[in-house]
Amino acid sequence: MSNPEEILQNTIQRCRERHIIIPTYKQMRNPELIPEKIKEKLKRIGLWDLNSLNLFRITWKNEPVEFGGGFGKVNYIELPKALTGVDARIIMLIGKYFPTGAHKVGATFGPLVEKLVSGRFDPTRQKALWPSTGNYCRGGAYDSYLLGCESIAVLPEGMSKERFDWLKKVGAEIFATPGSESNVKEIYDKVKELKAERGDEIVNLNQFEEIGNSLWHYAVTGPAMEEVYNSVKSPESRLSGVFLTQGSAGTLGCTDYLREKYPLMKVCAGEALQCPTLLYNGYGAHRIEGIGDKHVPWIHNIKNMDLVAGIDDRPNIQIMRLFNEPVGKDFLTDELGLDPELVKKLRYLGISSIANLMGTIKLAKYFEMNEHDTLFTVATDSMEMYQSRLIEEKERHGKLNTQKAEVIFQRDLMGLKNDHMIEMMYYEKRRMHNLKYFTWIEQQGKTVEELNAQWYDDNYWKSQFAKADEWDEKIMEFNERTGLLKEYE
């Protein structure tokens, strides 16, 4: 294989040919830093368009329009007590207005860009391999296209039809593995098979082990939550906690940032109750698409956690119907008196986003939080990728009527309890951290020394997240070498 400088020359040439400029973490965190001429060009580009300038739209601050938008404040919604049943303020960052409609374009940006700008990935001869249970491979395929790279998506065959259809549109090579959301090992097995067949023709960008995944959320999502909190807080307010389903643990990287600013806040990770790996060393299959499980991700800083909560997939799917079927929406506006504009925005919550809402409510109930407590979570994606699931539910159970809608609201939303939750003391955290051994040391070739460093070395995670500024410097150096930024000065 060529040396890093030769690979870097190939990458620079590819970017020149395709007019690719790479944004910095600072620009994704604060789009005001993006050159004005790039912003002007974006006014003529659709949010999902396969245009490399959309790399600059990997931010929480896109104007909430489908075409030609600029930048503004962080996209979020606050959910009222009438919907959540708790006094605590619950704020959800909205992922719908990222390219592809999900924030995973950020999670995939770091792992690929780090390799491109350091000469560890050759876009002229290698393919980016994205093993995933859904949105990660969508984000990876999209970012790969914008960055001039070919991609391979590996995901379970049981994922929604919309995901597969979309991947075909961006020209990704697709491999569907047995099972559904919980079948992560089968994905790893396929990756191992592809690596054996093709060698260094592919580069595996595994979301569960690539620190660039959580680094992006540390550098961009954490500050976005902080910014929203500062804009809505009162003198009595507390930033009291964050709930996020574990998934790849990438989004949980934001809590490492927030912990530095709000050390007393609570961090709760969620998982499907039907596959309670963190809770009970358990296993199983479930229907909460987008939160892959049955193992602990390498990039999950377990020491930063305070609680784990199980989310039952049955009420999760029922709440999906309540929020999206016409009778459910009518119930929320006519019977509960919710603002119709808010009810329209509930379509911004995909299946895993509803799980995040459920877990945040459980967190508020567990600690008996009041109106001075502010909790954050994320609507990773919207219902755009799950319309087939709505159709399936209607075919299985018939259309909703007002009575059914009220039952779902009272039983599945208002009836959420603080059951299946563990408040983590030292040895609970240690037990969960130890679970990494069986996946990462026995199966994936990581070292016990690094596993122990994650636990015992107080500087391990700090040093990982401190790399955002280093990568910004490398990105700026890379852009200088392509010479493309001169057009926008």
Protein backbone atom coordinates (compact mmCIF):
# COMPACT_ATOMS: atom_id res chain seq x y z
CA MET A 1 0.00 0.00 0.00
CA SER A 2 1.15 3.57 -0.69
CA ASN A 3 2.59 5.67 2.09
CA PRO A 4 0.37 8.29 3.81
CA GLU A 5 1.70 11.23 1.79
CA GLU A 6 1.02 9.45 -1.52
CA ILE A 7 -2.49 8.59 -0.34
CA LEU A 8 -2.98 12.19 0.76
CA GLN A 9 -1.97 13.40 -2.71
CA ASN A 10 -4.60 11.11 -4.23
CA THR A 11 -7.21 12.47 -1.83
CA ILE A 12 -6.28 16.09 -2.52
CA GLN A 13 -6.55 15.47 -6.26
CA ARG A 14 -9.95 13.77 -5.83
CA CYS A 15 -11.21 16.74 -3.82
CA ARG A 16 -9.96 19.20 -6.44
CA GLU A 17 -11.69 17.26 -9.21
CA ARG A 18 -14.99 17.13 -7.33
CA HIS A 19 -14.73 20.54 -5.66
CA ILE A 20 -14.84 19.16 -2.11
CA ILE A 21 -14.16 21.46 0.85
CA ILE A 22 -14.28 19.91 4.31
CA PRO A 23 -15.87 21.87 7.20
CA THR A 24 -14.29 22.05 10.65
CA TYR A 25 -15.89 21.00 13.91
CA LYS A 26 -15.97 24.68 14.87
CA GLN A 27 -17.98 25.50 11.75
CA MET A 28 -20.43 22.67 12.41
CA ARG A 29 -20.84 23.92 15.96
CA ASN A 30 -21.11 27.56 14.87
CA PRO A 31 -22.15 28.03 11.21
CA GLU A 32 -21.51 31.77 11.49
CA LEU A 33 -17.88 30.83 10.78
CA ILE A 34 -18.75 29.38 7.35
CA PRO A 35 -17.62 31.65 4.47
CA GLU A 36 -20.47 33.89 3.25
CA LYS A 37 -20.02 32.78 -0.37
CA ILE A 38 -20.62 29.16 0.63
CA LYS A 39 -23.78 30.22 2.45
CA GLU A 40 -24.94 31.99 -0.71
CA LYS A 41 -24.42 28.86 -2.80
CA LEU A 42 -26.33 26.77 -0.27
CA LYS A 43 -29.40 28.92 -0.93
CA ARG A 44 -29.71 27.09 -4.26
CA ILE A 45 -29.14 23.58 -2.90
CA GLY A 46 -31.65 21.15 -1.36
CA LEU A 47 -31.01 19.80 2.12
CA TRP A 48 -30.71 16.19 0.92
CA ASP A 49 -28.99 16.98 -2.41
CA LEU A 50 -25.86 15.00 -3.25
CA ASN A 51 -23.77 18.16 -3.34
CA SER A 52 -20.47 18.38 -1.46
CA LEU A 53 -21.36 21.81 -0.05
CA ASN A 54 -23.98 20.04 2.05
CA LEU A 55 -21.09 18.93 4.25
CA PHE A 56 -21.50 22.40 5.76
CA ARG A 57 -25.05 21.48 6.74
CA ILE A 58 -23.84 18.85 9.19
CA THR A 59 -25.08 20.98 12.06
CA TRP A 60 -28.01 21.30 14.48
CA LYS A 61 -28.55 24.85 13.20
CA ASN A 62 -29.95 24.37 9.71
CA GLU A 63 -32.92 26.51 8.82
CA PRO A 64 -35.88 24.05 9.04
CA VAL A 65 -36.70 23.99 5.33
CA GLU A 66 -36.14 21.35 2.66
CA PHE A 67 -34.46 23.61 0.08
CA GLY A 68 -32.09 26.54 0.10
CA GLY A 69 -32.06 27.19 3.82
CA GLY A 70 -29.54 29.19 5.76
CA PHE A 71 -28.56 28.81 9.39
CA GLY A 72 -30.14 29.93 12.63
CA LYS A 73 -30.57 28.66 16.16
CA VAL A 74 -30.47 25.03 17.27
CA ASN A 75 -33.51 23.04 16.10
CA TYR A 76 -35.41 21.72 19.12
CA ILE A 77 -38.85 21.29 20.60
CA GLU A 78 -39.95 21.48 24.22
CA LEU A 79 -42.62 18.97 25.18
CA PRO A 80 -45.27 20.21 27.63
CA LYS A 81 -46.42 18.54 30.84
CA ALA A 82 -49.78 17.76 29.21
CA LEU A 83 -47.90 15.34 26.92
CA THR A 84 -45.17 14.06 29.25
CA GLY A 85 -47.01 13.93 32.58
CA VAL A 86 -43.99 15.34 34.46
CA ASP A 87 -43.15 18.80 35.82
CA ALA A 88 -39.58 18.75 34.54
CA ARG A 89 -38.92 20.55 31.27
CA ILE A 90 -38.07 18.08 28.49
CA ILE A 91 -36.23 19.44 25.47
CA MET A 92 -35.47 17.37 22.35
CA LEU A 93 -32.92 18.39 19.74
CA ILE A 94 -34.37 17.66 16.29
CA GLY A 95 -32.37 15.59 13.80
CA LYS A 96 -34.81 15.89 10.89
CA TYR A 97 -33.10 18.96 9.45
CA PHE A 98 -29.75 17.33 8.91
CA PRO A 99 -29.05 16.03 5.39
CA THR A 100 -30.67 12.55 5.18
CA GLY A 101 -33.02 13.58 8.00
CA ALA A 102 -30.84 12.11 10.76
CA HIS A 103 -27.88 13.35 12.81
CA LYS A 104 -25.85 10.29 11.84
CA VAL A 105 -24.24 12.36 9.08
CA GLY A 106 -22.32 13.90 11.98
CA ALA A 107 -21.47 10.59 13.59
CA THR A 108 -20.04 9.34 10.28
CA PHE A 109 -18.23 12.58 9.42
CA GLY A 110 -15.52 12.16 12.07
CA PRO A 111 -14.44 8.57 11.35
CA LEU A 112 -14.11 9.14 7.59
CA VAL A 113 -12.68 12.66 7.55
CA GLU A 114 -9.99 11.81 10.10
CA LYS A 115 -8.70 9.11 7.79
CA LEU A 116 -8.98 11.22 4.64
CA VAL A 117 -7.01 14.21 5.94
CA SER A 118 -4.30 12.04 7.54
CA GLY A 119 -3.62 9.81 4.52
CA ARG A 120 -5.19 6.65 5.95
CA PHE A 121 -7.95 6.29 3.36
CA ASP A 122 -7.50 6.41 -0.39
CA PRO A 123 -10.78 7.39 -2.10
CA THR A 124 -9.34 6.41 -5.49
CA ARG A 125 -8.96 2.73 -4.58
CA GLN A 126 -10.72 1.98 -1.29
CA LYS A 127 -14.35 1.74 -0.21
CA ALA A 128 -15.72 2.94 3.13
CA LEU A 129 -17.46 0.06 4.92
CA TRP A 130 -20.32 1.15 7.20
CA PRO A 131 -21.64 -1.63 9.48
CA SER A 132 -24.87 -0.46 11.06
CA THR A 133 -28.40 -1.17 12.23
CA GLY A 134 -29.78 1.71 10.19
CA ASN A 135 -29.08 5.43 10.11
CA TYR A 136 -25.32 5.15 10.55
CA CYS A 137 -24.86 3.42 7.22
CA ARG A 138 -27.22 5.97 5.64
CA GLY A 139 -25.13 8.80 7.04
CA GLY A 140 -21.95 7.03 6.02
CA ALA A 141 -23.10 6.42 2.46
CA TYR A 142 -24.17 10.06 2.15
CA ASP A 143 -20.95 11.49 3.59
CA SER A 144 -18.91 9.09 1.46
CA TYR A 145 -20.62 10.31 -1.71
CA LEU A 146 -20.08 13.96 -0.76
CA LEU A 147 -16.44 13.27 0.07
CA GLY A 148 -15.74 11.49 -3.21
CA CYS A 149 -15.63 7.96 -1.78
CA GLU A 150 -17.44 4.75 -2.64
CA SER A 151 -19.26 2.97 0.18
CA ILE A 152 -20.54 -0.39 1.41
CA ALA A 153 -23.51 -0.64 3.77
CA VAL A 154 -23.98 -3.69 6.01
CA LEU A 155 -27.26 -3.77 7.96
CA PRO A 156 -29.85 -6.31 9.16
CA GLU A 157 -32.41 -7.52 6.63
CA GLY A 158 -35.19 -6.76 9.11
CA MET A 159 -34.68 -2.99 9.00
CA SER A 160 -37.30 -0.76 7.37
CA LYS A 161 -37.80 -0.89 3.60
CA GLU A 162 -37.20 2.87 3.37
CA ARG A 163 -33.62 2.48 4.55
CA PHE A 164 -32.76 -0.01 1.81
CA ASP A 165 -34.50 2.05 -0.88
CA TRP A 166 -32.57 5.16 0.11
CA LEU A 167 -29.20 3.38 0.16
CA LYS A 168 -29.78 2.18 -3.39
CA LYS A 169 -30.33 5.78 -4.52
CA VAL A 170 -26.87 6.87 -3.36
CA GLY A 171 -25.21 3.92 -5.06
CA ALA A 172 -24.01 2.10 -1.96
CA GLU A 173 -23.08 -1.55 -2.21
CA ILE A 174 -25.54 -3.21 0.20
CA PHE A 175 -25.32 -6.39 2.27
CA ALA A 176 -28.35 -7.44 4.32
CA THR A 177 -27.45 -9.68 7.25
CA PRO A 178 -29.75 -12.09 9.15
CA GLY A 179 -32.04 -10.75 11.84
CA SER A 180 -32.99 -7.27 12.95
CA GLU A 181 -31.99 -4.57 15.42
CA SER A 182 -30.38 -6.87 17.99
CA ASN A 183 -28.29 -8.93 15.55
CA VAL A 184 -25.09 -6.92 15.74
CA LYS A 185 -22.73 -9.91 15.79
CA GLU A 186 -24.08 -11.03 12.39
CA ILE A 187 -23.06 -7.62 11.04
CA TYR A 188 -19.56 -8.07 12.46
CA ASP A 189 -19.34 -11.53 10.92
CA LYS A 190 -20.18 -10.13 7.48
CA VAL A 191 -17.58 -7.40 7.92
CA LYS A 192 -14.95 -10.01 8.79
CA GLU A 193 -15.92 -11.99 5.69
CA LEU A 194 -15.66 -8.91 3.44
CA LYS A 195 -12.30 -7.97 4.92
CA ALA A 196 -11.00 -11.50 4.26
CA GLU A 197 -12.20 -11.34 0.66
CA ARG A 198 -11.05 -7.83 -0.24
CA GLY A 199 -8.23 -6.98 2.15
CA ASP A 200 -7.21 -3.33 2.15
CA GLU A 201 -9.62 -2.49 -0.67
CA ILE A 202 -12.10 -1.67 2.11
CA VAL A 203 -11.76 0.33 5.33
CA ASN A 204 -14.09 -0.66 8.15
CA LEU A 205 -15.64 2.36 9.89
CA ASN A 206 -17.42 0.61 12.73
CA GLN A 207 -19.63 3.09 14.62
CA PHE A 208 -19.29 1.09 17.83
CA GLU A 209 -15.52 1.54 17.99
CA GLU A 210 -14.73 4.72 16.02
CA ILE A 211 -14.06 7.51 18.52
CA GLY A 212 -14.80 10.03 15.77
CA ASN A 213 -18.46 9.08 16.22
CA SER A 214 -18.69 10.24 19.84
CA LEU A 215 -16.10 12.99 19.28
CA TRP A 216 -18.50 14.70 16.86
CA HIS A 217 -21.23 14.69 19.50
CA TYR A 218 -18.80 15.93 22.16
CA ALA A 219 -17.76 18.82 19.93
CA VAL A 220 -21.14 19.67 18.35
CA THR A 221 -24.15 18.12 20.13
CA GLY A 222 -23.03 18.90 23.69
CA PRO A 223 -22.50 22.61 22.94
CA ALA A 224 -25.85 22.68 21.09
CA MET A 225 -27.64 21.44 24.22
CA GLU A 226 -25.75 23.95 26.35
CA GLU A 227 -26.73 26.76 23.99
CA VAL A 228 -30.42 25.82 24.12
CA TYR A 229 -30.33 25.55 27.89
CA ASN A 230 -28.79 29.01 28.24
CA SER A 231 -31.53 30.43 26.00
CA VAL A 232 -34.45 28.97 27.99
CA LYS A 233 -33.25 28.84 31.60
CA SER A 234 -34.59 30.93 34.43
CA PRO A 235 -32.69 31.94 37.60
CA GLU A 236 -34.07 28.82 39.33
CA SER A 237 -33.30 26.40 36.49
CA ARG A 238 -31.00 23.37 36.68
CA LEU A 239 -29.63 21.34 33.79
CA SER A 240 -30.50 18.15 35.58
CA GLY A 241 -29.87 15.37 33.12
CA VAL A 242 -29.67 13.77 29.70
CA PHE A 243 -31.31 10.56 28.54
CA LEU A 244 -30.17 8.76 25.38
CA THR A 245 -30.55 5.19 24.19
CA GLN A 246 -27.14 3.53 24.11
CA GLY A 247 -27.09 2.57 20.42
CA SER A 248 -23.51 3.02 19.25
CA ALA A 249 -22.93 5.29 22.30
CA GLY A 250 -21.92 8.04 19.87
CA THR A 251 -24.58 10.54 20.93
CA LEU A 252 -23.69 9.85 24.56
CA GLY A 253 -20.40 11.63 23.80
CA CYS A 254 -22.31 14.88 24.31
CA THR A 255 -22.68 14.01 27.99
CA ASP A 256 -18.90 13.96 28.47
CA TYR A 257 -18.92 17.60 27.33
CA LEU A 258 -21.90 18.56 29.49
CA ARG A 259 -20.49 16.80 32.57
CA GLU A 260 -17.58 19.24 32.50
CA LYS A 261 -20.03 22.15 32.72
CA TYR A 262 -22.76 20.60 34.89
CA PRO A 263 -21.07 17.99 37.11
CA LEU A 264 -24.20 17.25 39.17
CA MET A 265 -26.40 16.32 36.23
CA LYS A 266 -27.63 12.75 35.75
CA VAL A 267 -26.82 10.72 32.64
CA CYS A 268 -29.14 7.82 31.84
CA ALA A 269 -28.56 5.35 29.03
CA GLY A 270 -31.50 3.39 27.64
CA GLU A 271 -31.87 0.05 25.95
CA ALA A 272 -34.78 -2.07 24.80
CA LEU A 273 -36.31 -3.99 27.67
CA GLN A 274 -36.58 -6.95 25.29
CA CYS A 275 -32.77 -6.99 25.02
CA PRO A 276 -31.55 -5.88 28.48
CA THR A 277 -27.78 -6.25 28.09
CA LEU A 278 -26.70 -3.42 30.40
CA LEU A 279 -29.52 -4.04 32.84
CA TYR A 280 -29.39 -7.80 33.25
CA ASN A 281 -26.62 -9.15 30.96
CA GLY A 282 -29.59 -10.18 28.81
CA TYR A 283 -30.29 -10.68 25.14
CA GLY A 284 -33.23 -10.83 22.74
CA ALA A 285 -34.89 -9.14 19.78
CA HIS A 286 -36.89 -5.92 19.79
CA ARG A 287 -38.56 -3.33 17.54
CA ILE A 288 -36.89 -0.05 18.50
CA GLU A 289 -35.02 0.52 15.23
CA GLY A 290 -31.80 2.48 15.48
CA ILE A 291 -30.36 1.47 18.86
CA GLY A 292 -28.34 -1.75 18.13
CA ASP A 293 -27.49 -3.78 21.19
CA LYS A 294 -26.44 -7.12 22.78
CA HIS A 295 -23.02 -5.64 23.49
CA VAL A 296 -21.38 -2.56 25.00
CA PRO A 297 -19.78 -0.25 22.41
CA TRP A 298 -16.04 0.30 22.69
CA ILE A 299 -16.59 4.08 22.65
CA HIS A 300 -19.10 4.08 25.54
CA ASN A 301 -17.61 5.82 28.58
CA ILE A 302 -19.49 3.78 31.16
CA LYS A 303 -17.87 5.70 34.02
CA ASN A 304 -19.80 8.80 32.94
CA MET A 305 -23.17 7.07 33.42
CA ASP A 306 -25.49 7.39 36.40
CA LEU A 307 -28.41 5.17 35.39
CA VAL A 308 -29.62 2.62 32.87
CA ALA A 309 -33.30 2.29 31.91
CA GLY A 310 -35.15 -0.37 29.97
CA ILE A 311 -37.63 0.83 27.34
CA ASP A 312 -40.48 -1.52 26.45
CA ASP A 313 -40.92 -1.74 22.68
CA ARG A 314 -44.67 -2.46 22.82
CA PRO A 315 -45.72 0.96 24.20
CA ASN A 316 -43.02 2.52 22.02
CA ILE A 317 -44.78 1.31 18.85
CA GLN A 318 -48.20 2.29 20.23
CA ILE A 319 -47.03 5.84 20.93
CA MET A 320 -45.71 5.96 17.36
CA ARG A 321 -49.30 5.36 16.19
CA LEU A 322 -50.71 7.96 18.58
CA PHE A 323 -48.32 10.62 17.31
CA ASN A 324 -48.79 9.88 13.61
CA GLU A 325 -52.23 8.52 12.77
CA PRO A 326 -54.96 11.14 12.13
CA VAL A 327 -57.21 9.99 14.99
CA GLY A 328 -54.27 10.07 17.40
CA LYS A 329 -53.34 13.59 16.38
CA ASP A 330 -56.98 14.69 16.67
CA PHE A 331 -57.09 13.25 20.18
CA LEU A 332 -53.98 15.20 21.19
CA THR A 333 -55.37 18.49 19.88
CA ASP A 334 -59.11 18.16 20.55
CA GLU A 335 -59.14 16.15 23.79
CA LEU A 336 -55.87 17.28 25.39
CA GLY A 337 -55.84 20.77 23.96
CA LEU A 338 -52.26 20.59 22.71
CA ASP A 339 -51.06 23.24 20.28
CA PRO A 340 -51.76 21.90 16.74
CA GLU A 341 -48.34 23.16 15.62
CA LEU A 342 -46.64 21.08 18.31
CA VAL A 343 -48.69 18.02 17.35
CA LYS A 344 -47.56 18.44 13.72
CA LYS A 345 -43.96 18.41 14.92
CA LEU A 346 -44.40 15.04 16.64
CA ARG A 347 -43.71 13.49 13.22
CA TYR A 348 -40.12 14.61 13.85
CA LEU A 349 -39.85 11.71 16.33
CA GLY A 350 -38.93 8.38 14.74
CA ILE A 351 -39.14 5.10 16.65
CA SER A 352 -35.88 5.47 18.60
CA SER A 353 -36.70 9.14 19.23
CA ILE A 354 -39.92 8.06 20.95
CA ALA A 355 -37.83 5.67 23.04
CA ASN A 356 -35.67 8.66 24.02
CA LEU A 357 -38.77 10.58 25.07
CA MET A 358 -40.02 7.62 27.12
CA GLY A 359 -36.66 7.27 28.86
CA THR A 360 -36.48 10.97 29.66
CA ILE A 361 -39.90 10.77 31.30
CA LYS A 362 -38.73 7.75 33.33
CA LEU A 363 -35.63 9.70 34.40
CA ALA A 364 -37.78 12.63 35.57
CA LYS A 365 -40.06 10.29 37.52
CA TYR A 366 -37.19 8.36 39.08
CA PHE A 367 -35.73 11.48 40.69
CA GLU A 368 -39.12 13.17 41.29
CA MET A 369 -37.98 16.19 39.29
CA ASN A 370 -39.89 19.46 39.30
CA GLU A 371 -40.36 22.53 37.12
CA HIS A 372 -36.85 23.78 37.93
CA ASP A 373 -35.27 20.70 36.33
CA THR A 374 -34.40 20.72 32.62
CA LEU A 375 -33.74 17.44 30.81
CA PHE A 376 -32.33 16.95 27.32
CA THR A 377 -32.64 14.20 24.77
CA VAL A 378 -32.49 13.85 20.97
CA ALA A 379 -34.93 13.06 18.18
CA THR A 380 -32.33 11.23 16.11
CA ASP A 381 -34.53 10.97 13.02
CA SER A 382 -38.14 11.51 11.97
CA MET A 383 -40.91 9.21 10.76
CA GLU A 384 -39.78 9.53 7.13
CA MET A 385 -37.93 6.21 7.32
CA TYR A 386 -40.76 4.40 9.15
CA GLN A 387 -43.93 4.91 7.12
CA SER A 388 -43.94 1.21 6.27
CA ARG A 389 -44.06 0.44 10.01
CA LEU A 390 -47.21 2.54 10.38
CA ILE A 391 -48.83 0.65 7.52
CA GLU A 392 -47.85 -2.69 9.09
CA GLU A 393 -49.39 -1.72 12.43
CA LYS A 394 -52.65 -0.61 10.82
CA GLU A 395 -52.82 -3.87 8.87
CA ARG A 396 -52.21 -5.95 12.01
CA HIS A 397 -54.42 -4.09 14.45
CA GLY A 398 -56.78 -1.93 12.41
CA LYS A 399 -57.05 1.85 12.41
CA LEU A 400 -57.03 3.81 15.63
CA ASN A 401 -60.24 5.17 17.04
CA THR A 402 -60.59 7.79 19.75
CA GLN A 403 -61.02 5.20 22.48
CA LYS A 404 -57.85 3.35 21.48
CA ALA A 405 -55.96 6.64 21.25
CA GLU A 406 -56.98 7.53 24.81
CA VAL A 407 -55.93 4.10 26.06
CA ILE A 408 -52.49 4.50 24.45
CA PHE A 409 -52.11 7.97 25.93
CA GLN A 410 -53.12 6.97 29.46
CA ARG A 411 -51.51 3.51 29.59
CA ASP A 412 -48.36 3.91 27.50
CA LEU A 413 -47.41 7.55 27.99
CA MET A 414 -48.93 8.76 31.26
CA GLY A 415 -48.49 5.26 32.70
CA LEU A 416 -44.71 5.18 32.29
CA LYS A 417 -43.05 4.16 35.55
CA ASN A 418 -39.53 4.16 36.93
CA ASP A 419 -39.35 0.38 36.65
CA HIS A 420 -36.45 -1.55 35.07
CA MET A 421 -33.96 1.12 36.07
CA ILE A 422 -30.59 0.78 37.77
CA GLU A 423 -28.91 3.67 39.57
CA MET A 424 -25.29 2.78 38.99
CA MET A 425 -22.85 2.53 41.85
CA TYR A 426 -19.16 1.76 41.24
CA TYR A 427 -19.46 -2.00 40.78
CA GLU A 428 -22.54 -1.76 38.56
CA LYS A 429 -20.49 0.46 36.24
CA ARG A 430 -17.60 -1.96 36.46
CA ARG A 431 -19.85 -4.91 35.55
CA MET A 432 -21.14 -3.10 32.47
CA HIS A 433 -17.67 -1.99 31.44
CA ASN A 434 -16.42 -5.58 31.78
CA LEU A 435 -18.97 -6.69 29.18
CA LYS A 436 -16.79 -5.00 26.55
CA TYR A 437 -14.27 -7.80 26.99
CA PHE A 438 -16.41 -10.46 25.32
CA THR A 439 -17.05 -8.46 22.16
CA TRP A 440 -13.93 -6.37 21.77
CA ILE A 441 -11.09 -8.46 23.17
CA GLU A 442 -12.32 -11.96 22.31
CA GLN A 443 -13.91 -11.13 18.92
CA GLN A 444 -12.60 -7.83 17.58
CA GLY A 445 -8.91 -7.77 18.44
CA LYS A 446 -8.76 -4.93 20.96
CA THR A 447 -6.26 -5.14 23.82
CA VAL A 448 -6.87 -5.69 27.51
CA GLU A 449 -4.42 -2.88 28.18
CA GLU A 450 -6.62 -0.32 26.44
CA LEU A 451 -9.75 -1.76 28.04
CA ASN A 452 -8.15 -1.25 31.44
CA ALA A 453 -6.99 2.24 30.46
CA GLN A 454 -10.60 3.18 29.69
CA TRP A 455 -11.46 2.31 33.27
CA TYR A 456 -8.41 3.24 35.34
CA ASP A 457 -6.75 6.07 33.41
CA ASP A 458 -8.52 9.32 34.32
CA ASN A 459 -7.05 10.99 31.27
CA TYR A 460 -8.14 8.37 28.72
CA TRP A 461 -11.49 9.87 27.72
CA LYS A 462 -10.37 13.48 28.16
CA SER A 463 -7.50 12.91 25.75
CA GLN A 464 -9.79 11.29 23.20
CA PHE A 465 -12.22 14.21 23.19
CA ALA A 466 -9.47 16.82 23.21
CA LYS A 467 -8.62 15.79 19.63
CA ALA A 468 -11.39 17.90 18.06
CA ASP A 469 -9.11 20.96 17.90
CA GLU A 470 -6.29 18.87 16.44
CA TRP A 471 -8.56 17.58 13.70
CA ASP A 472 -9.72 21.11 12.92
CA GLU A 473 -6.11 22.10 12.32
CA LYS A 474 -5.58 19.12 10.01
CA ILE A 475 -8.80 19.88 8.13
CA MET A 476 -7.72 23.49 7.60
CA GLU A 477 -4.29 22.35 6.40
CA PHE A 478 -5.96 19.91 4.00
CA ASN A 479 -8.26 22.59 2.59
CA GLU A 480 -5.25 24.87 2.10
CA ARG A 481 -3.55 22.15 0.06
CA THR A 482 -6.56 21.67 -2.22
CA GLY A 483 -6.67 25.45 -2.80
CA LEU A 484 -10.45 25.40 -3.20
CA LEU A 485 -11.24 27.84 -0.41
CA LYS A 486 -9.70 30.73 -2.41
CA GLU A 487 -12.86 30.84 -4.52
CA TYR A 488 -14.87 31.74 -1.40
CA GLU A 489 -12.59 34.38 0.11
